Amino acid sequence: MHSLPYLQSLGPRICILGPSNSGKSTLAQAISIKQHLPVIHLDQLYHYPDTDWQPRPFEAFSALHDAAISENRWIIEGNYTKILPARLAQATGVILLDCSTLMSIIRYFQRTWFQKSKRLGTLSGNQDSIKWHMLQHIMITTPKNRQKYRSLYSKIALPKCYLNSRAQLNQAYEVWELPLP
């Protein structure tokens, strides 16, 4: 059985990292409810609301990110590794979700076909749709990123938790007594 740290040991500023469609937004929301932490979805900072995922200029995104991490309490989900060092410098704990590429693809289709605008972490006024570039990202870029995230995770000195399967993620929900999605 996988040993989990106490949720409280991750502190009041938690980063959740992992591949696209691994469950970061859903886990962040559940921890937010349990720990009374404001949740920050990096996709919502990076993209303009009410668009079909149109990105902001990097400087504007970086400023929104830096303002968010300057707060005393948060749970932030998303990768955006270019600005990750600043986030980790403020974080008190890290969770890495490391689901398989197949699981990411399944979750992508589920969220775009069935969750639509109710999906956590989506843009206001937007409804997800299947996009070829997103499928390419999941199938081609994500496997390389998973290796990068694992390497980064091994070097992090903060309290941390590594969840590399659906069973381990489900166990975290149970052990941490998180509300189920």
C-alpha atoms as a PDB file:
ATOM      1  CA  MET A   1       0.000   0.000   0.000  1.00  0.00           C
ATOM      2  CA  HIS A   2       1.246   3.450  -0.978  1.00  0.00           C
ATOM      3  CA  SER A   3       2.177   5.635   2.005  1.00  0.00           C
ATOM      4  CA  LEU A   4       0.782   9.158   1.816  1.00  0.00           C
ATOM      5  CA  PRO A   5       1.990  12.159   3.788  1.00  0.00           C
ATOM      6  CA  TYR A   6      -0.522  13.901   6.009  1.00  0.00           C
ATOM      7  CA  LEU A   7      -2.309  16.501   3.931  1.00  0.00           C
ATOM      8  CA  GLN A   8      -1.543  19.128   6.590  1.00  0.00           C
ATOM      9  CA  SER A   9       2.190  18.456   6.167  1.00  0.00           C
ATOM     10  CA  LEU A  10       2.002  20.005   2.688  1.00  0.00           C
ATOM     11  CA  GLY A  11       1.237  23.367   4.301  1.00  0.00           C
ATOM     12  CA  PRO A  12      -0.845  26.340   3.171  1.00  0.00           C
ATOM     13  CA  ARG A  13       0.759  26.852  -0.269  1.00  0.00           C
ATOM     14  CA  ILE A  14       0.526  23.707  -2.381  1.00  0.00           C
ATOM     15  CA  CYS A  15       1.611  23.218  -6.003  1.00  0.00           C
ATOM     16  CA  ILE A  16      -0.013  20.443  -8.013  1.00  0.00           C
ATOM     17  CA  LEU A  17       1.967  19.432 -11.089  1.00  0.00           C
ATOM     18  CA  GLY A  18       1.421  16.791 -13.723  1.00  0.00           C
ATOM     19  CA  PRO A  19       0.504  16.059 -17.307  1.00  0.00           C
ATOM     20  CA  SER A  20      -2.476  17.578 -19.059  1.00  0.00           C
ATOM     21  CA  ASN A  21      -5.745  15.923 -18.046  1.00  0.00           C
ATOM     22  CA  SER A  22      -4.260  14.084 -15.060  1.00  0.00           C
ATOM     23  CA  GLY A  23      -6.789  15.430 -12.538  1.00  0.00           C
ATOM     24  CA  LYS A  24      -4.898  18.460 -11.212  1.00  0.00           C
ATOM     25  CA  SER A  25      -7.888  20.833 -11.250  1.00  0.00           C
ATOM     26  CA  THR A  26     -10.224  18.345  -9.602  1.00  0.00           C
ATOM     27  CA  LEU A  27      -7.716  17.472  -6.873  1.00  0.00           C
ATOM     28  CA  ALA A  28      -6.958  21.159  -6.279  1.00  0.00           C
ATOM     29  CA  GLN A  29     -10.654  21.898  -5.826  1.00  0.00           C
ATOM     30  CA  ALA A  30     -11.098  19.007  -3.381  1.00  0.00           C
ATOM     31  CA  ILE A  31      -8.083  20.081  -1.295  1.00  0.00           C
ATOM     32  CA  SER A  32      -9.285  23.685  -1.462  1.00  0.00           C
ATOM     33  CA  ILE A  33     -12.588  22.671   0.113  1.00  0.00           C
ATOM     34  CA  LYS A  34     -10.952  20.493   2.782  1.00  0.00           C
ATOM     35  CA  GLN A  35      -8.145  22.920   3.719  1.00  0.00           C
ATOM     36  CA  HIS A  36      -9.975  26.204   3.037  1.00  0.00           C
ATOM     37  CA  LEU A  37      -7.331  27.288   0.534  1.00  0.00           C
ATOM     38  CA  PRO A  38      -8.102  29.529  -2.436  1.00  0.00           C
ATOM     39  CA  VAL A  39      -7.594  27.542  -5.622  1.00  0.00           C
ATOM     40  CA  ILE A  40      -5.705  29.017  -8.569  1.00  0.00           C
ATOM     41  CA  HIS A  41      -5.962  27.398 -11.996  1.00  0.00           C
ATOM     42  CA  LEU A  42      -2.954  28.514 -14.030  1.00  0.00           C
ATOM     43  CA  ASP A  43      -4.799  27.940 -17.311  1.00  0.00           C
ATOM     44  CA  GLN A  44      -7.223  30.673 -16.230  1.00  0.00           C
ATOM     45  CA  LEU A  45      -4.341  33.076 -15.619  1.00  0.00           C
ATOM     46  CA  TYR A  46      -2.545  32.174 -18.850  1.00  0.00           C
ATOM     47  CA  HIS A  47      -5.569  32.484 -21.139  1.00  0.00           C
ATOM     48  CA  TYR A  48      -8.014  35.320 -21.619  1.00  0.00           C
ATOM     49  CA  PRO A  49     -11.509  34.523 -20.316  1.00  0.00           C
ATOM     50  CA  ASP A  50     -14.378  34.203 -22.780  1.00  0.00           C
ATOM     51  CA  THR A  51     -12.040  33.020 -25.568  1.00  0.00           C
ATOM     52  CA  ASP A  52     -11.206  29.694 -27.151  1.00  0.00           C
ATOM     53  CA  TRP A  53      -7.976  29.414 -25.105  1.00  0.00           C
ATOM     54  CA  GLN A  54      -6.327  32.600 -26.416  1.00  0.00           C
ATOM     55  CA  PRO A  55      -3.129  33.155 -24.405  1.00  0.00           C
ATOM     56  CA  ARG A  56      -2.243  36.427 -22.724  1.00  0.00           C
ATOM     57  CA  PRO A  57       1.142  38.010 -23.381  1.00  0.00           C
ATOM     58  CA  PHE A  58       3.689  36.209 -21.217  1.00  0.00           C
ATOM     59  CA  GLU A  59       4.482  39.330 -19.175  1.00  0.00           C
ATOM     60  CA  ALA A  60       0.800  39.745 -18.230  1.00  0.00           C
ATOM     61  CA  PHE A  61       0.517  36.066 -17.296  1.00  0.00           C
ATOM     62  CA  SER A  62       3.712  36.228 -15.257  1.00  0.00           C
ATOM     63  CA  ALA A  63       2.428  39.281 -13.357  1.00  0.00           C
ATOM     64  CA  LEU A  64      -0.869  37.509 -12.540  1.00  0.00           C
ATOM     65  CA  HIS A  65       1.092  34.424 -11.430  1.00  0.00           C
ATOM     66  CA  ASP A  66       3.444  36.446  -9.219  1.00  0.00           C
ATOM     67  CA  ALA A  67       0.508  38.279  -7.592  1.00  0.00           C
ATOM     68  CA  ALA A  68      -1.200  34.948  -6.881  1.00  0.00           C
ATOM     69  CA  ILE A  69       1.845  33.317  -5.286  1.00  0.00           C
ATOM     70  CA  SER A  70       2.527  36.386  -3.127  1.00  0.00           C
ATOM     71  CA  GLU A  71      -0.536  35.474  -1.038  1.00  0.00           C
ATOM     72  CA  ASN A  72      -0.127  33.523   2.232  1.00  0.00           C
ATOM     73  CA  ARG A  73      -2.489  30.668   1.359  1.00  0.00           C
ATOM     74  CA  TRP A  74      -3.227  28.924  -1.943  1.00  0.00           C
ATOM     75  CA  ILE A  75      -3.396  25.728  -3.875  1.00  0.00           C
ATOM     76  CA  ILE A  76      -2.227  26.212  -7.437  1.00  0.00           C
ATOM     77  CA  GLU A  77      -2.519  23.702 -10.224  1.00  0.00           C
ATOM     78  CA  GLY A  78      -0.743  23.723 -13.539  1.00  0.00           C
ATOM     79  CA  ASN A  79       2.769  23.455 -14.825  1.00  0.00           C
ATOM     80  CA  TYR A  80       4.046  26.400 -16.891  1.00  0.00           C
ATOM     81  CA  THR A  81       7.598  25.415 -16.054  1.00  0.00           C
ATOM     82  CA  LYS A  82       9.113  28.714 -17.205  1.00  0.00           C
ATOM     83  CA  ILE A  83       7.726  30.352 -14.036  1.00  0.00           C
ATOM     84  CA  LEU A  84       7.749  27.249 -11.824  1.00  0.00           C
ATOM     85  CA  PRO A  85      10.915  28.244  -9.894  1.00  0.00           C
ATOM     86  CA  ALA A  86       9.172  31.340  -8.485  1.00  0.00           C
ATOM     87  CA  ARG A  87       6.183  29.222  -7.482  1.00  0.00           C
ATOM     88  CA  LEU A  88       8.313  26.560  -5.806  1.00  0.00           C
ATOM     89  CA  ALA A  89      10.204  29.269  -3.894  1.00  0.00           C
ATOM     90  CA  GLN A  90       6.887  30.255  -2.251  1.00  0.00           C
ATOM     91  CA  ALA A  91       5.352  26.783  -1.956  1.00  0.00           C
ATOM     92  CA  THR A  92       5.169  24.751   1.238  1.00  0.00           C
ATOM     93  CA  GLY A  93       4.305  21.458  -0.476  1.00  0.00           C
ATOM     94  CA  VAL A  94       4.101  19.752  -3.868  1.00  0.00           C
ATOM     95  CA  ILE A  95       1.907  17.023  -5.328  1.00  0.00           C
ATOM     96  CA  LEU A  96       2.911  15.356  -8.594  1.00  0.00           C
ATOM     97  CA  LEU A  97       0.233  13.478 -10.524  1.00  0.00           C
ATOM     98  CA  ASP A  98       1.894  11.140 -12.998  1.00  0.00           C
ATOM     99  CA  CYS A  99      -0.896   9.372 -14.858  1.00  0.00           C
ATOM    100  CA  SER A 100      -0.361   7.482 -18.091  1.00  0.00           C
ATOM    101  CA  THR A 101      -0.758   9.021 -21.523  1.00  0.00           C
ATOM    102  CA  LEU A 102      -3.740   6.731 -22.141  1.00  0.00           C
ATOM    103  CA  MET A 103      -5.435   8.009 -18.968  1.00  0.00           C
ATOM    104  CA  SER A 104      -4.792  11.613 -20.073  1.00  0.00           C
ATOM    105  CA  ILE A 105      -6.423  10.934 -23.452  1.00  0.00           C
ATOM    106  CA  ILE A 106      -9.442   9.257 -21.839  1.00  0.00           C
ATOM    107  CA  ARG A 107      -9.860  12.147 -19.400  1.00  0.00           C
ATOM    108  CA  TYR A 108      -9.518  14.665 -22.254  1.00  0.00           C
ATOM    109  CA  PHE A 109     -12.369  13.061 -24.185  1.00  0.00           C
ATOM    110  CA  GLN A 110     -14.491  12.775 -21.022  1.00  0.00           C
ATOM    111  CA  ARG A 111     -14.088  16.426 -20.142  1.00  0.00           C
ATOM    112  CA  THR A 112     -14.685  17.749 -23.638  1.00  0.00           C
ATOM    113  CA  TRP A 113     -17.673  15.539 -24.401  1.00  0.00           C
ATOM    114  CA  PHE A 114     -19.394  15.248 -21.036  1.00  0.00           C
ATOM    115  CA  GLN A 115     -18.225  17.967 -18.642  1.00  0.00           C
ATOM    116  CA  LYS A 116     -18.299  20.903 -21.052  1.00  0.00           C
ATOM    117  CA  SER A 117     -18.461  24.257 -19.232  1.00  0.00           C
ATOM    118  CA  LYS A 118     -18.891  22.595 -15.805  1.00  0.00           C
ATOM    119  CA  ARG A 119     -15.297  21.364 -15.845  1.00  0.00           C
ATOM    120  CA  LEU A 120     -13.092  22.753 -13.099  1.00  0.00           C
ATOM    121  CA  GLY A 121     -10.330  25.006 -14.356  1.00  0.00           C
ATOM    122  CA  THR A 122     -12.001  25.856 -17.660  1.00  0.00           C
ATOM    123  CA  LEU A 123     -12.240  29.412 -18.936  1.00  0.00           C
ATOM    124  CA  SER A 124     -15.359  31.409 -18.157  1.00  0.00           C
ATOM    125  CA  GLY A 125     -17.623  31.595 -21.160  1.00  0.00           C
ATOM    126  CA  ASN A 126     -15.806  28.767 -22.955  1.00  0.00           C
ATOM    127  CA  GLN A 127     -16.860  25.247 -23.767  1.00  0.00           C
ATOM    128  CA  ASP A 128     -14.096  22.751 -24.386  1.00  0.00           C
ATOM    129  CA  SER A 129     -13.966  20.959 -27.700  1.00  0.00           C
ATOM    130  CA  ILE A 130     -11.689  18.305 -29.134  1.00  0.00           C
ATOM    131  CA  LYS A 131      -8.642  20.025 -30.615  1.00  0.00           C
ATOM    132  CA  TRP A 132      -6.051  18.268 -32.733  1.00  0.00           C
ATOM    133  CA  HIS A 133      -3.170  20.294 -31.239  1.00  0.00           C
ATOM    134  CA  MET A 134      -4.250  19.215 -27.726  1.00  0.00           C
ATOM    135  CA  LEU A 135      -4.297  15.546 -28.744  1.00  0.00           C
ATOM    136  CA  GLN A 136      -0.813  15.996 -30.238  1.00  0.00           C
ATOM    137  CA  HIS A 137       0.318  17.661 -27.002  1.00  0.00           C
ATOM    138  CA  ILE A 138      -0.986  14.759 -24.908  1.00  0.00           C
ATOM    139  CA  MET A 139       0.476  12.049 -27.182  1.00  0.00           C
ATOM    140  CA  ILE A 140       3.812  13.618 -28.143  1.00  0.00           C
ATOM    141  CA  THR A 141       4.811  16.344 -25.671  1.00  0.00           C
ATOM    142  CA  THR A 142       3.331  14.907 -22.471  1.00  0.00           C
ATOM    143  CA  PRO A 143       5.481  11.727 -22.324  1.00  0.00           C
ATOM    144  CA  LYS A 144       8.641  13.893 -22.423  1.00  0.00           C
ATOM    145  CA  ASN A 145       7.170  16.264 -19.847  1.00  0.00           C
ATOM    146  CA  ARG A 146       6.349  13.367 -17.511  1.00  0.00           C
ATOM    147  CA  GLN A 147      10.064  12.492 -17.402  1.00  0.00           C
ATOM    148  CA  LYS A 148      10.944  16.141 -16.790  1.00  0.00           C
ATOM    149  CA  TYR A 149       8.394  16.398 -13.936  1.00  0.00           C
ATOM    150  CA  ARG A 150       9.708  13.209 -12.285  1.00  0.00           C
ATOM    151  CA  SER A 151      13.280  14.500 -12.452  1.00  0.00           C
ATOM    152  CA  LEU A 152      12.239  17.868 -11.038  1.00  0.00           C
ATOM    153  CA  TYR A 153      10.190  16.183  -8.316  1.00  0.00           C
ATOM    154  CA  SER A 154      13.183  14.131  -7.161  1.00  0.00           C
ATOM    155  CA  LYS A 155      15.103  17.375  -6.516  1.00  0.00           C
ATOM    156  CA  ILE A 156      12.378  19.196  -4.573  1.00  0.00           C
ATOM    157  CA  ALA A 157      13.208  19.457  -0.864  1.00  0.00           C
ATOM    158  CA  LEU A 158       9.677  20.483   0.209  1.00  0.00           C
ATOM    159  CA  PRO A 159       7.123  18.084   1.693  1.00  0.00           C
ATOM    160  CA  LYS A 160       5.756  16.268  -1.330  1.00  0.00           C
ATOM    161  CA  CYS A 161       3.514  13.508  -2.606  1.00  0.00           C
ATOM    162  CA  TYR A 162       3.844  11.434  -5.790  1.00  0.00           C
ATOM    163  CA  LEU A 163       0.693   9.805  -7.177  1.00  0.00           C
ATOM    164  CA  ASN A 164       1.337   7.711 -10.280  1.00  0.00           C
ATOM    165  CA  SER A 165      -1.896   5.798 -10.771  1.00  0.00           C
ATOM    166  CA  ARG A 166      -5.647   6.208 -10.570  1.00  0.00           C
ATOM    167  CA  ALA A 167      -5.605   3.848  -7.564  1.00  0.00           C
ATOM    168  CA  GLN A 168      -3.113   6.062  -5.711  1.00  0.00           C
ATOM    169  CA  LEU A 169      -5.120   9.172  -6.533  1.00  0.00           C
ATOM    170  CA  ASN A 170      -8.284   7.474  -5.257  1.00  0.00           C
ATOM    171  CA  GLN A 171      -6.403   6.477  -2.105  1.00  0.00           C
ATOM    172  CA  ALA A 172      -5.382  10.112  -1.555  1.00  0.00           C
ATOM    173  CA  TYR A 173      -9.031  11.186  -1.771  1.00  0.00           C
ATOM    174  CA  GLU A 174      -9.936   8.533   0.792  1.00  0.00           C
ATOM    175  CA  VAL A 175      -7.046   8.978   3.240  1.00  0.00           C
ATOM    176  CA  TRP A 176      -7.202  12.771   3.108  1.00  0.00           C
ATOM    177  CA  GLU A 177     -11.010  12.617   3.414  1.00  0.00           C
ATOM    178  CA  LEU A 178     -11.499  14.817   0.369  1.00  0.00           C
ATOM    179  CA  PRO A 179     -14.887  15.405  -1.216  1.00  0.00           C
ATOM    180  CA  LEU A 180     -15.271  13.182  -4.256  1.00  0.00           C
ATOM    181  CA  PRO A 181     -15.612  14.801  -7.678  1.00  0.00           C
END
